[in-house]
Amino acid sequence: MNLILNAWLAEIVIITYRGTRQKKFKNNPVPNFALPSEYVATIVVFGGLSLVPSDSEWSRVAGAIGWGLVLATTLNLWNPGSGVSQASPTFEVPKTQTQKV
């Protein structure tokens, strides 16, 4: 559990640091901080990882996944709180011509 808790705290620090440095959240209720959805996303993800029992052999795997997410956030590979982008079709549906009878 300590691995996951430390990874979550590191994730919160990274998110907060980025929010204050980028200044892209000027219209937030708390200016210059990251959106609350980013914090909620980390709570959900790391909360799910914390469900792994700390005395099992899988706790190290959960800790490694948590620290992997921290590394991904640091390298801009994962952005907590960002929505899933929807795929747009790359083809057009052919238009049918009406025939007069």
Protein backbone atom coordinates (compact mmCIF):
# COMPACT_ATOMS: atom_id res chain seq x y z
CA MET A 1 0.00 0.00 0.00
CA ASN A 2 2.88 2.39 0.62
CA LEU A 3 4.04 2.03 -2.99
CA ILE A 4 0.64 3.05 -4.28
CA LEU A 5 0.22 5.87 -1.78
CA ASN A 6 3.63 7.32 -2.61
CA ALA A 7 2.93 7.03 -6.34
CA TRP A 8 -0.43 8.77 -5.88
CA LEU A 9 1.15 11.62 -3.92
CA ALA A 10 3.81 12.01 -6.61
CA GLU A 11 1.05 12.10 -9.24
CA ILE A 12 -0.80 14.82 -7.33
CA VAL A 13 2.40 16.89 -7.06
CA ILE A 14 3.03 16.57 -10.81
CA ILE A 15 -0.53 17.54 -11.70
CA THR A 16 -0.49 20.52 -9.35
CA TYR A 17 2.92 21.67 -10.58
CA ARG A 18 1.81 21.51 -14.20
CA GLY A 19 -1.40 23.35 -13.44
CA THR A 20 0.43 26.21 -11.78
CA ARG A 21 3.19 26.43 -14.41
CA GLN A 22 1.05 26.23 -17.55
CA LYS A 23 -1.52 28.79 -16.42
CA LYS A 24 -4.06 27.37 -18.85
CA PHE A 25 -6.71 27.01 -16.16
CA LYS A 26 -7.25 30.70 -15.42
CA ASN A 27 -11.05 30.42 -15.32
CA ASN A 28 -11.13 27.67 -12.69
CA PRO A 29 -12.81 28.19 -9.33
CA VAL A 30 -9.26 28.06 -7.94
CA PRO A 31 -7.15 29.90 -10.54
CA ASN A 32 -3.95 28.34 -11.86
CA PHE A 33 -4.61 24.90 -10.42
CA ALA A 34 -5.46 21.82 -12.41
CA LEU A 35 -9.07 20.88 -13.01
CA PRO A 36 -10.78 18.91 -10.24
CA SER A 37 -11.51 16.14 -12.74
CA GLU A 38 -7.78 15.44 -13.00
CA TYR A 39 -7.58 14.90 -9.25
CA VAL A 40 -10.71 12.74 -9.29
CA ALA A 41 -9.25 10.64 -12.11
CA THR A 42 -6.16 9.91 -10.02
CA ILE A 43 -8.29 9.01 -7.02
CA VAL A 44 -10.27 6.53 -9.13
CA VAL A 45 -7.23 4.94 -10.80
CA PHE A 46 -5.01 4.75 -7.75
CA GLY A 47 -7.97 3.80 -5.57
CA GLY A 48 -8.55 0.84 -7.85
CA LEU A 49 -4.90 -0.12 -7.54
CA SER A 50 -5.13 0.10 -3.76
CA LEU A 51 -7.76 -2.65 -3.71
CA VAL A 52 -4.95 -5.16 -4.20
CA PRO A 53 -4.13 -6.64 -0.76
CA SER A 54 -0.82 -5.33 0.58
CA ASP A 55 0.30 -8.74 1.84
CA SER A 56 -0.08 -10.48 -1.52
CA GLU A 57 2.54 -10.87 -4.21
CA TRP A 58 0.44 -8.69 -6.51
CA SER A 59 1.03 -5.59 -4.37
CA ARG A 60 4.39 -5.04 -6.08
CA VAL A 61 2.72 -5.31 -9.48
CA ALA A 62 0.12 -2.72 -8.45
CA GLY A 63 2.89 -0.46 -7.15
CA ALA A 64 4.80 -0.83 -10.42
CA ILE A 65 1.68 0.07 -12.38
CA GLY A 66 1.18 3.12 -10.16
CA TRP A 67 4.74 4.31 -10.64
CA GLY A 68 4.40 3.58 -14.34
CA LEU A 69 1.45 5.97 -14.46
CA VAL A 70 3.54 8.60 -12.67
CA LEU A 71 6.29 8.14 -15.24
CA ALA A 72 3.74 8.33 -18.06
CA THR A 73 2.37 11.59 -16.65
CA THR A 74 5.87 13.00 -16.34
CA LEU A 75 6.61 12.14 -19.98
CA ASN A 76 3.19 13.48 -21.15
CA LEU A 77 2.01 10.04 -22.18
CA TRP A 78 -1.01 10.07 -19.85
CA ASN A 79 -3.16 13.06 -18.97
CA PRO A 80 -5.49 12.33 -16.05
CA GLY A 81 -8.95 13.71 -16.51
CA SER A 82 -8.79 13.98 -20.27
CA GLY A 83 -11.71 12.50 -22.07
CA VAL A 84 -11.55 9.73 -24.56
CA SER A 85 -11.40 11.12 -28.06
CA GLN A 86 -14.02 9.77 -30.37
CA ALA A 87 -12.98 8.38 -33.70
CA SER A 88 -14.21 10.23 -36.72
CA PRO A 89 -15.07 8.31 -39.87
CA THR A 90 -12.50 8.54 -42.62
CA PHE A 91 -14.89 7.68 -45.40
CA GLU A 92 -17.90 9.40 -46.84
CA VAL A 93 -21.21 7.70 -47.40
CA PRO A 94 -22.06 7.81 -51.12
CA LYS A 95 -25.08 9.90 -51.93
CA THR A 96 -27.90 8.16 -53.73
CA GLN A 97 -29.58 9.71 -56.70
CA THR A 98 -33.31 9.66 -56.99
CA GLN A 99 -34.83 8.41 -60.20
CA LYS A 100 -38.08 9.67 -61.63
CA VAL A 101 -40.55 6.99 -62.59
